[in-house]
Structure formats: structure tokens, C-alpha cells
Amino acid sequence: MNRLLYVLLISALTILGFTMFQHKDLGFISFSFADFTFETNLIVFISAALSTLFVILLLNKSLQLIKNTFIYFGEKRTKRLAEKARLSLSQGLIEYAEGRFEQAEKILLQQIKYSDNRLLSYLSAARAAQQLGAHERRDDYLRKAHLEAPAADVAIGLTKAELQLAHNQNEQALATLTQLNKLSKNHTYVLTLLANTYRHLQDWDNLEKILSDLKKFGKLSAPSFLSFEISVCNGQLTSLSKNRNSNELIKFWKNTPHHLKALPDIVEHYARQLIICDAAGEAEQVLRLYLNKNWQESGIILYSELDVMIDNKQLEMAERWLKDHQHNAWLLLALGKMCMSHSLWGKARNYLEASIAINPMPENYLKLARLLEEHMVEPTAAQEYYRQGLHLLAGDYGMEILEKNANDFERETPQLKIVKI
């Protein structure tokens, strides 16, 4: 279009000039400004105007050429620096993966001002600084990352929380995660980290408050979520037992969900807290009722540690367990202690000797020795059991004990006969 305009203009001027030349009329132009006057003919004026226009166009083209030249070399340099920045990021990540954190931090920052991914560079540098224990530099990199990408608050905050947790800065991590949870409600990973932080800080009440959200949005497996429920329940039981008030524990237990009451970890923990609150009788009942339906080795071990008064019916219920667990040393120990509480010295001795034959333990030796010394007037036998128990406690098991095998124990175990009282 511009070329056509130039052609038409030149053609018109040529025709005009040729016509004026034939008529021998070169025209006349006069300019006056203040005391200054300029006069010339039309041909000279047009020639001067065209020359001026030509010079202006030439200068414009020259400037454009110079500008394009600078742009070309500038873009080439920018591309070269950007490529160096990409290589720096790649090499820095490799150094970090290989455990050379000092080199990784240095390389990641070398060309960062030319990088098109400064966020990743700063976050990676923060992780490297964390590994070096440079927490001030770590926090500085995280601030710079936020300035580079304000919209990436969640990614930056999660990185910060992870690094704080890795350095056991749990209170700081909690503050970071609480803010993130407000900023990005029901974010899966934020909820998971927040729940783990509450658990680590043993903040059971706040952990309980987010359990429903964690179940709905946390995308945890059933065992993982159950572990949080167990932690909350056991943690709250522990907190209540500090007041030494068994009534509060019992009230809490009544409101505990049934699926948790069926778990051995929770039942046994509840029993231990009852013992702490001087409610061993309640603990015995809880454990006995649980073991009637769910036999658990850890449960019977805990049951054997109880020293409580029980009635004949309770003893009979416990003795029924022998039908399926006659060679369980812990059960035999528990029954021996129960019989002692009822002054059934012969049955108690029978149970305790059977327990020792199956699994010699300092406790069953001690109970049997006391029984013989205090109630059956057999000081010599009592002293022997004291001696063997001390050897066992000191780690000196004696060759006669070490050489016994399972068949020996089974053969030596007295044939227990349950006698109703």
C-alpha cells in the first residue's frame, strides 16, 4: 500500500513538473516569518521537500535496523542465560538428590535471576539449606519464593511446614499448617500434616475436632485413619487419668464408639489408666469381659499383673480359659494370684508351679516363694525359689533351665483340674 502511494505521488509530481517545464512556468513560492522572507520556485521547493523526506525515511530505517540488531543480540543473550539457568536448576537438583547439599544450594542460586522457574529454584534451595541446618537461609529462600509467586501460597506453605516438621519445629509447623488450613479449606495433604502435628504435640482435643474432615477429605486408608482414632482415644484417656478420678474415665468409656472398644490397644490402655486411678477392680472386669470374647496375649499379660479381690464366679470364669490355654504361663500366673486372694493356697501353688514350668519369670518365682514362705510354712523351698528368681532376674538362667525344651515343659506341667469352690 505504501509503495503504491509513493508511486502515485512521484507520478503526480513528475506530470506536474513536466507540464510546468513545457509552459516555462516554474511557479513561485514565498514564505515570510517575522522579518525573514524565503522565496523560491516550486521545483526547488519540491526537490528540497523530497530530499528531506528521503533523509527522514533513511534515518528511520537506519534506527530501525540498529534497534533490531540490538534486539536480536539481546534475545540471543537472554536465551543463552535462560539455558544456563535451566542447566543450573537441573544440576542443582541432581546435586541435592545425591546428597551434596552445599553444592546444590550454591548451584541452584547461580543463574536464578535469569531462570523462568524461580519458584522451584528457591524451594529447592530452601530444602538444601534445611539439610545444612541453615534455617535462617531456608526461611529467606521461602520468603523470596513467595515474592516470586504470590499465588503459590499453598505450595510454599507446605514446603515450609514439611521443613519445620523435619527440624522438630512442631509449634511453628502447627502455626503454618493452621494458616494453610484456613487458606485452603479441606486440602488433603494439609489436613494429613495437621493431624500428624497434633498427634506429635499430643493435642488430642484439636485432633479430635478435625477427625471428621480428615475422614472425608484426607483420603487415608482405613488402617491409617483408625490409627488416628486410636491415638485420640488413648491420648484422652491418659489425660483423664492424670486427675486420678476413675469416674471421669468410666464416663468417657461409656461414650467411646463401639468399634474402638473392640480394639485390644484401647481396651488395654483403658485398663492401665484405671489401674493408675486405683480402680484395679474395674480394670479386672473390663479385661475379663474382653478376654471372654477376644483372646489376646497382651491382654492376659496385663491381666496377670493385677492384684485384686474377686468373687468365686469371677474366678470360675477365668478358669474356663484353661480349656483352650492350659499352657499359657501368664494365665496360670494370673490364676495363681487370684487363688491367693481367696486363700486357696494349694490351687495357687499348683498354678504357679505350672506357670514356672512353662515360662520361668521373676514374678512367678516371687509369688510362689512368698506363698511357700508366708502361707505354707516351707521356708527351704521358698528360699530355693527366691534364689532361682534372682538368678533369672540377673540373667543367669542356669544350665538346667536353658537345656529344657518345650516337651520338657509340657511333660512337667501339672495336669490342672479345676475344682469349684
Protein backbone atom coordinates (compact mmCIF):
# COMPACT_ATOMS: atom_id res chain seq x y z
CA MET A 1 0.00 0.00 0.00
CA ASN A 2 2.83 2.38 0.90
CA ARG A 3 4.67 1.59 -2.30
CA LEU A 4 1.57 2.34 -4.39
CA LEU A 5 1.19 5.66 -2.59
CA TYR A 6 4.80 6.55 -3.31
CA VAL A 7 4.42 5.60 -6.99
CA LEU A 8 1.26 7.74 -7.35
CA LEU A 9 2.91 10.67 -5.60
CA ILE A 10 6.04 10.53 -7.73
CA SER A 11 3.95 10.13 -10.86
CA ALA A 12 1.83 13.17 -10.00
CA LEU A 13 4.91 15.27 -9.27
CA THR A 14 6.56 14.15 -12.49
CA ILE A 15 3.49 15.06 -14.54
CA LEU A 16 3.23 18.39 -12.75
CA GLY A 17 6.91 19.19 -13.29
CA PHE A 18 6.82 18.19 -16.95
CA THR A 19 3.73 20.34 -17.57
CA MET A 20 5.33 23.36 -15.86
CA PHE A 21 8.52 22.85 -17.84
CA GLN A 22 6.62 22.86 -21.17
CA HIS A 23 4.83 26.03 -20.25
CA LYS A 24 8.09 27.51 -18.98
CA ASP A 25 6.43 28.27 -15.67
CA LEU A 26 8.44 27.02 -12.69
CA GLY A 27 5.99 28.50 -10.20
CA PHE A 28 6.79 30.73 -7.26
CA ILE A 29 6.68 30.11 -3.52
CA SER A 30 7.30 32.71 -0.81
CA PHE A 31 7.47 32.19 2.98
CA SER A 32 7.53 35.08 5.44
CA PHE A 33 8.06 34.85 9.15
CA ALA A 34 8.70 38.00 11.19
CA ASP A 35 11.48 39.83 9.31
CA PHE A 36 12.56 36.71 7.49
CA THR A 37 11.43 36.02 3.92
CA PHE A 38 12.18 32.96 1.80
CA GLU A 39 11.40 32.82 -1.89
CA THR A 40 11.98 30.02 -4.38
CA ASN A 41 10.34 28.31 -7.30
CA LEU A 42 8.13 25.27 -6.98
CA ILE A 43 10.68 22.87 -8.49
CA VAL A 44 13.35 23.70 -5.92
CA PHE A 45 10.81 23.53 -3.10
CA ILE A 46 9.54 20.12 -4.19
CA SER A 47 13.08 18.84 -4.59
CA ALA A 48 14.01 20.07 -1.13
CA ALA A 49 10.88 18.55 0.38
CA LEU A 50 11.52 15.20 -1.29
CA SER A 51 15.16 15.24 -0.17
CA THR A 52 14.11 15.99 3.39
CA LEU A 53 11.53 13.20 3.30
CA PHE A 54 14.12 10.83 1.89
CA VAL A 55 16.59 11.69 4.64
CA ILE A 56 13.92 11.21 7.32
CA LEU A 57 12.94 7.84 5.89
CA LEU A 58 16.59 6.84 5.65
CA LEU A 59 17.22 7.80 9.25
CA ASN A 60 14.09 5.93 10.35
CA LYS A 61 15.19 2.78 8.54
CA SER A 62 18.70 3.09 9.98
CA LEU A 63 17.37 3.47 13.51
CA GLN A 64 15.02 0.53 13.00
CA LEU A 65 17.92 -1.59 11.74
CA ILE A 66 20.07 -0.63 14.74
CA LYS A 67 17.17 -1.38 17.10
CA ASN A 68 16.53 -4.77 15.51
CA THR A 69 20.22 -5.57 15.76
CA PHE A 70 20.26 -4.84 19.48
CA ILE A 71 17.04 -6.81 19.94
CA TYR A 72 18.47 -9.78 18.07
CA PHE A 73 21.66 -9.96 20.10
CA GLY A 74 19.74 -9.21 23.31
CA GLU A 75 17.31 -12.06 22.70
CA LYS A 76 20.19 -14.34 21.85
CA ARG A 77 21.94 -13.43 25.10
CA THR A 78 18.69 -13.86 27.07
CA LYS A 79 18.16 -17.30 25.58
CA ARG A 80 21.72 -18.25 26.41
CA LEU A 81 21.35 -17.10 30.01
CA ALA A 82 17.95 -18.83 30.32
CA GLU A 83 19.53 -22.05 29.09
CA LYS A 84 22.29 -21.67 31.67
CA ALA A 85 19.63 -21.13 34.33
CA ARG A 86 17.80 -24.31 33.27
CA LEU A 87 21.06 -26.27 33.38
CA SER A 88 21.83 -24.76 36.80
CA LEU A 89 18.43 -25.85 38.13
CA SER A 90 18.84 -29.33 36.70
CA GLN A 91 22.37 -29.74 38.06
CA GLY A 92 21.34 -28.35 41.43
CA LEU A 93 18.53 -30.88 41.73
CA ILE A 94 20.95 -33.67 40.83
CA GLU A 95 23.40 -32.50 43.49
CA TYR A 96 20.57 -32.40 46.05
CA ALA A 97 19.41 -35.91 45.12
CA GLU A 98 22.97 -37.17 45.55
CA GLY A 99 23.24 -35.61 49.00
CA ARG A 100 25.69 -32.81 48.18
CA PHE A 101 23.54 -30.13 49.75
CA GLU A 102 26.14 -27.34 49.95
CA GLN A 103 26.92 -27.58 46.23
CA ALA A 104 23.23 -27.93 45.45
CA GLU A 105 22.34 -24.69 47.25
CA LYS A 106 25.14 -22.80 45.51
CA ILE A 107 24.35 -24.10 42.02
CA LEU A 108 20.61 -23.54 42.35
CA LEU A 109 21.18 -19.84 43.02
CA GLN A 110 23.90 -19.18 40.43
CA GLN A 111 21.69 -18.17 37.49
CA ILE A 112 18.39 -17.77 39.33
CA LYS A 113 17.73 -14.19 38.11
CA TYR A 114 17.63 -15.50 34.54
CA SER A 115 15.51 -18.54 35.40
CA ASP A 116 11.95 -18.92 34.18
CA ASN A 117 11.23 -21.18 37.20
CA ARG A 118 12.48 -19.22 40.18
CA LEU A 119 9.84 -20.70 42.46
CA LEU A 120 11.22 -24.22 42.08
CA SER A 121 14.79 -22.94 42.44
CA TYR A 122 14.04 -21.14 45.71
CA LEU A 123 12.05 -24.06 47.13
CA SER A 124 14.86 -26.49 46.29
CA ALA A 125 17.46 -24.12 47.74
CA ALA A 126 15.36 -23.93 50.93
CA ARG A 127 15.39 -27.73 51.19
CA ALA A 128 19.16 -27.79 50.71
CA ALA A 129 19.63 -25.12 53.38
CA GLN A 130 17.43 -27.17 55.71
CA GLN A 131 19.72 -30.17 55.27
CA LEU A 132 22.68 -27.96 56.18
CA GLY A 133 20.95 -26.67 59.30
CA ALA A 134 20.85 -23.13 57.90
CA HIS A 135 17.33 -22.29 58.98
CA GLU A 136 17.64 -18.53 58.52
CA ARG A 137 18.70 -19.00 54.89
CA ARG A 138 15.89 -21.53 54.48
CA ASP A 139 13.29 -19.03 55.65
CA ASP A 140 14.83 -16.31 53.47
CA TYR A 141 14.52 -18.50 50.37
CA LEU A 142 10.90 -19.24 51.23
CA ARG A 143 10.17 -15.51 51.53
CA LYS A 144 11.76 -14.89 48.13
CA ALA A 145 9.73 -17.75 46.68
CA HIS A 146 6.57 -16.06 47.95
CA LEU A 147 7.62 -12.77 46.32
CA GLU A 148 8.24 -14.57 43.03
CA ALA A 149 4.91 -16.44 43.07
CA PRO A 150 2.33 -14.98 45.49
CA ALA A 151 -0.33 -17.27 44.01
CA ALA A 152 1.65 -20.36 45.11
CA ASP A 153 0.99 -19.80 48.83
CA VAL A 154 -0.15 -23.38 49.43
CA ALA A 155 2.89 -24.97 47.75
CA ILE A 156 5.28 -22.65 49.58
CA GLY A 157 3.48 -23.10 52.89
CA LEU A 158 3.52 -26.88 52.62
CA THR A 159 7.23 -26.85 51.87
CA LYS A 160 7.79 -24.61 54.89
CA ALA A 161 5.70 -26.86 57.14
CA GLU A 162 7.48 -30.01 55.94
CA LEU A 163 10.88 -28.45 56.65
CA GLN A 164 9.77 -27.23 60.08
CA LEU A 165 8.48 -30.68 60.97
CA ALA A 166 11.71 -32.25 59.77
CA HIS A 167 13.60 -29.96 62.18
CA ASN A 168 11.15 -30.73 65.03
CA GLN A 169 9.85 -27.16 64.98
CA ASN A 170 6.41 -28.53 65.73
CA GLU A 171 4.84 -25.38 67.17
CA GLN A 172 5.98 -23.32 64.17
CA ALA A 173 4.75 -26.03 61.81
CA LEU A 174 1.39 -26.03 63.59
CA ALA A 175 1.05 -22.27 63.06
CA THR A 176 1.95 -22.66 59.38
CA LEU A 177 -0.47 -25.53 58.82
CA THR A 178 -3.29 -23.82 60.71
CA GLN A 179 -2.95 -20.82 58.42
CA LEU A 180 -2.82 -23.08 55.37
CA ASN A 181 -5.95 -24.90 56.51
CA LYS A 182 -7.78 -21.57 56.62
CA LEU A 183 -6.35 -20.55 53.26
CA SER A 184 -7.14 -23.86 51.55
CA LYS A 185 -10.00 -25.47 53.41
CA ASN A 186 -10.13 -29.29 53.35
CA HIS A 187 -6.86 -29.63 51.42
CA THR A 188 -5.95 -33.33 51.60
CA TYR A 189 -2.24 -33.04 52.36
CA VAL A 190 -2.66 -30.04 54.67
CA LEU A 191 -5.18 -31.99 56.77
CA THR A 192 -2.88 -35.02 56.95
CA LEU A 193 0.13 -32.96 58.05
CA LEU A 194 -2.01 -31.03 60.52
CA ALA A 195 -3.34 -34.25 62.04
CA ASN A 196 0.18 -35.68 62.37
CA THR A 197 1.36 -32.47 64.00
CA TYR A 198 -1.48 -32.53 66.53
CA ARG A 199 -0.64 -36.15 67.28
CA HIS A 200 3.04 -35.34 67.74
CA LEU A 201 2.17 -32.47 70.08
CA GLN A 202 -0.37 -34.70 71.86
CA ASP A 203 -3.07 -32.11 71.27
CA TRP A 204 -5.85 -34.70 71.37
CA ASP A 205 -8.80 -32.32 71.61
CA ASN A 206 -7.88 -30.39 68.46
CA LEU A 207 -7.04 -33.62 66.67
CA GLU A 208 -10.48 -34.94 67.53
CA LYS A 209 -12.06 -31.79 66.06
CA ILE A 210 -10.58 -32.42 62.61
CA LEU A 211 -11.19 -36.18 62.52
CA SER A 212 -14.43 -35.81 60.57
CA ASP A 213 -12.75 -33.61 57.94
CA LEU A 214 -9.76 -35.93 57.87
CA LYS A 215 -12.01 -38.91 57.22
CA LYS A 216 -13.94 -37.10 54.48
CA PHE A 217 -11.15 -35.27 52.68
CA GLY A 218 -7.93 -36.87 53.91
CA LYS A 219 -8.14 -39.85 51.52
CA LEU A 220 -6.50 -42.07 54.13
CA SER A 221 -6.66 -45.82 54.12
CA ALA A 222 -8.91 -47.36 56.75
CA PRO A 223 -5.96 -48.55 58.92
CA SER A 224 -4.31 -45.12 58.74
CA PHE A 225 -7.45 -43.31 59.81
CA LEU A 226 -8.05 -45.86 62.56
CA SER A 227 -4.57 -45.16 63.93
CA PHE A 228 -5.58 -41.51 64.40
CA GLU A 229 -8.77 -42.57 66.20
CA ILE A 230 -6.76 -44.87 68.48
CA SER A 231 -4.26 -42.09 69.23
CA VAL A 232 -7.05 -39.66 70.13
CA CYS A 233 -8.90 -42.12 72.35
CA ASN A 234 -5.79 -43.32 74.20
CA GLY A 235 -4.46 -39.78 74.50
CA GLN A 236 -7.69 -38.52 76.05
CA LEU A 237 -7.74 -41.50 78.43
CA THR A 238 -4.21 -40.66 79.53
CA SER A 239 -5.15 -37.02 80.09
CA LEU A 240 -8.14 -38.01 82.23
CA SER A 241 -6.09 -40.42 84.34
CA LYS A 242 -3.82 -37.56 85.42
CA ASN A 243 -6.66 -36.33 87.62
CA ARG A 244 -6.73 -39.72 89.41
CA ASN A 245 -10.50 -39.75 89.02
CA SER A 246 -11.76 -43.13 87.85
CA ASN A 247 -15.33 -41.80 87.48
CA GLU A 248 -14.24 -39.50 84.66
CA LEU A 249 -12.55 -42.43 82.94
CA ILE A 250 -15.62 -44.63 83.25
CA LYS A 251 -17.88 -41.86 81.94
CA PHE A 252 -15.58 -41.31 78.97
CA TRP A 253 -15.51 -45.05 78.27
CA LYS A 254 -19.29 -45.23 78.13
CA ASN A 255 -19.32 -42.61 75.34
CA THR A 256 -16.50 -44.25 73.39
CA PRO A 257 -17.59 -45.63 69.97
CA HIS A 258 -18.17 -49.39 69.98
CA HIS A 259 -15.70 -50.10 67.17
CA LEU A 260 -12.94 -48.62 69.35
CA LYS A 261 -14.00 -50.57 72.43
CA ALA A 262 -13.36 -53.76 70.46
CA LEU A 263 -9.68 -52.92 69.87
CA PRO A 264 -7.10 -54.53 72.20
CA ASP A 265 -4.84 -51.46 72.17
CA ILE A 266 -7.64 -49.28 73.52
CA VAL A 267 -9.08 -51.83 75.97
CA GLU A 268 -5.68 -52.49 77.49
CA HIS A 269 -4.80 -48.80 77.63
CA TYR A 270 -8.10 -48.08 79.37
CA ALA A 271 -7.35 -50.83 81.88
CA ARG A 272 -3.90 -49.36 82.60
CA GLN A 273 -5.39 -45.93 83.23
CA LEU A 274 -7.91 -47.48 85.62
CA ILE A 275 -5.04 -49.09 87.50
CA ILE A 276 -3.32 -45.70 87.73
CA CYS A 277 -6.55 -44.29 89.22
CA ASP A 278 -6.62 -47.09 91.83
CA ALA A 279 -9.54 -48.80 90.11
CA ALA A 280 -7.91 -52.21 89.57
CA GLY A 281 -11.21 -53.95 90.21
CA GLU A 282 -12.84 -52.11 87.33
CA ALA A 283 -9.79 -52.90 85.18
CA GLU A 284 -10.13 -56.60 86.01
CA GLN A 285 -13.77 -56.60 84.95
CA VAL A 286 -13.02 -54.80 81.67
CA LEU A 287 -10.18 -57.17 80.80
CA ARG A 288 -12.08 -60.29 81.83
CA LEU A 289 -15.14 -59.41 79.75
CA TYR A 290 -12.92 -58.57 76.79
CA LEU A 291 -10.85 -61.77 77.06
CA ASN A 292 -14.02 -63.85 77.23
CA LYS A 293 -14.76 -62.81 73.64
CA ASN A 294 -11.32 -61.84 72.27
CA TRP A 295 -8.33 -63.78 73.48
CA GLN A 296 -5.26 -61.57 73.32
CA GLU A 297 -1.81 -62.48 74.66
CA SER A 298 -1.02 -58.89 75.64
CA GLY A 299 -4.38 -58.70 77.40
CA ILE A 300 -3.74 -61.78 79.53
CA ILE A 301 -0.26 -60.48 80.38
CA LEU A 302 -1.82 -57.27 81.66
CA TYR A 303 -4.49 -59.32 83.45
CA SER A 304 -1.77 -61.31 85.22
CA GLU A 305 -0.32 -58.09 86.65
CA LEU A 306 -3.49 -57.35 88.63
CA ASP A 307 -3.69 -57.98 92.37
CA VAL A 308 -7.40 -57.73 93.10
CA MET A 309 -10.08 -59.43 95.14
CA ILE A 310 -12.62 -61.29 93.02
CA ASP A 311 -15.58 -63.45 93.86
CA ASN A 312 -15.95 -67.17 93.16
CA LYS A 313 -17.94 -66.59 89.99
CA GLN A 314 -15.22 -64.40 88.51
CA LEU A 315 -12.57 -66.98 89.37
CA GLU A 316 -14.61 -69.72 87.71
CA MET A 317 -14.98 -67.61 84.56
CA ALA A 318 -11.23 -67.08 84.41
CA GLU A 319 -10.55 -70.77 84.99
CA ARG A 320 -12.66 -71.64 81.95
CA TRP A 321 -9.93 -70.11 79.81
CA LEU A 322 -7.70 -73.05 80.71
CA LYS A 323 -9.72 -75.30 78.41
CA ASP A 324 -8.11 -73.65 75.40
CA HIS A 325 -5.00 -72.12 77.00
CA GLN A 326 -3.74 -74.62 79.56
CA HIS A 327 -0.09 -73.98 78.68
CA ASN A 328 -0.20 -70.19 78.87
CA ALA A 329 2.22 -69.12 81.62
CA TRP A 330 0.63 -65.69 82.04
CA LEU A 331 -2.85 -67.14 82.50
CA LEU A 332 -1.52 -69.60 85.07
CA LEU A 333 0.23 -66.76 86.90
CA ALA A 334 -2.98 -64.72 86.94
CA LEU A 335 -4.98 -67.67 88.29
CA GLY A 336 -2.35 -68.34 90.94
CA LYS A 337 -2.62 -64.75 92.16
CA MET A 338 -6.43 -64.94 92.18
CA CYS A 339 -6.37 -68.13 94.24
CA MET A 340 -4.00 -66.50 96.69
CA SER A 341 -6.51 -63.68 97.14
CA HIS A 342 -9.07 -66.37 98.11
CA SER A 343 -6.58 -68.18 100.39
CA LEU A 344 -6.68 -71.22 98.11
CA TRP A 345 -3.04 -71.99 98.80
CA GLY A 346 -2.93 -75.44 97.22
CA LYS A 347 -4.55 -74.35 93.97
CA ALA A 348 -2.39 -71.23 93.91
CA ARG A 349 0.76 -73.36 94.27
CA ASN A 350 -0.43 -75.67 91.51
CA TYR A 351 -0.99 -72.79 89.11
CA LEU A 352 2.27 -71.01 89.94
CA GLU A 353 4.40 -74.13 89.59
CA ALA A 354 2.77 -74.84 86.23
CA SER A 355 3.49 -71.25 85.14
CA ILE A 356 7.18 -71.60 86.11
CA ALA A 357 7.46 -74.92 84.28
CA ILE A 358 6.21 -73.35 81.07
CA ASN A 359 7.92 -69.96 81.27
CA PRO A 360 10.19 -69.12 84.21
CA MET A 361 9.75 -65.43 85.10
CA PRO A 362 10.90 -63.40 88.09
CA GLU A 363 7.27 -62.65 89.02
CA ASN A 364 6.00 -66.22 89.14
CA TYR A 365 9.10 -67.24 91.12
CA LEU A 366 8.48 -64.38 93.58
CA LYS A 367 4.79 -65.16 94.01
CA LEU A 368 5.44 -68.85 94.60
CA ALA A 369 8.27 -68.14 97.05
CA ARG A 370 6.08 -65.79 99.07
CA LEU A 371 3.23 -68.31 99.03
CA LEU A 372 5.51 -71.04 100.41
CA GLU A 373 7.16 -68.75 102.96
CA GLU A 374 4.13 -66.86 104.27
CA HIS A 375 1.26 -69.34 103.95
CA MET A 376 2.55 -72.89 103.57
CA VAL A 377 5.47 -72.79 106.01
CA GLU A 378 8.03 -74.23 103.60
CA PRO A 379 10.97 -71.85 104.08
CA THR A 380 13.52 -74.13 102.41
CA ALA A 381 11.51 -74.45 99.20
CA ALA A 382 10.75 -70.71 99.35
CA GLN A 383 14.46 -69.86 99.60
CA GLU A 384 15.18 -72.05 96.57
CA TYR A 385 12.55 -70.25 94.50
CA TYR A 386 13.91 -66.89 95.67
CA ARG A 387 17.40 -67.99 94.58
CA GLN A 388 16.23 -69.18 91.15
CA GLY A 389 14.23 -65.99 90.65
CA LEU A 390 17.27 -63.84 91.44
CA HIS A 391 19.41 -65.83 89.02
CA LEU A 392 16.76 -65.33 86.37
CA LEU A 393 16.49 -61.61 87.10
CA ALA A 394 20.27 -61.24 86.85
CA GLY A 395 20.36 -63.07 83.53
CA ASP A 396 21.97 -66.20 84.93
CA TYR A 397 19.40 -68.74 83.83
CA GLY A 398 21.36 -71.81 84.83
CA MET A 399 22.12 -74.76 82.61
CA GLU A 400 19.17 -76.78 83.88
CA ILE A 401 16.75 -74.08 82.66
CA LEU A 402 18.50 -73.44 79.34
CA GLU A 403 18.51 -77.13 78.47
CA LYS A 404 14.75 -77.51 78.88
CA ASN A 405 12.76 -77.66 75.73
CA ALA A 406 9.10 -77.29 75.02
CA ASN A 407 8.44 -81.01 75.51
CA ASP A 408 10.07 -80.89 78.94
CA PHE A 409 7.84 -78.06 79.98
CA GLU A 410 4.74 -79.79 78.71
CA ARG A 411 5.69 -83.00 80.49
CA GLU A 412 6.45 -81.20 83.75
CA THR A 413 3.33 -79.04 83.68
CA PRO A 414 0.93 -80.38 86.32
CA GLN A 415 -2.33 -81.66 84.99
CA LEU A 416 -4.65 -78.95 86.19
CA LYS A 417 -8.02 -79.89 87.48
CA ILE A 418 -10.49 -77.13 88.05
CA VAL A 419 -12.11 -77.50 91.43
CA LYS A 420 -15.16 -75.37 92.11
CA ILE A 421 -15.21 -73.57 95.41
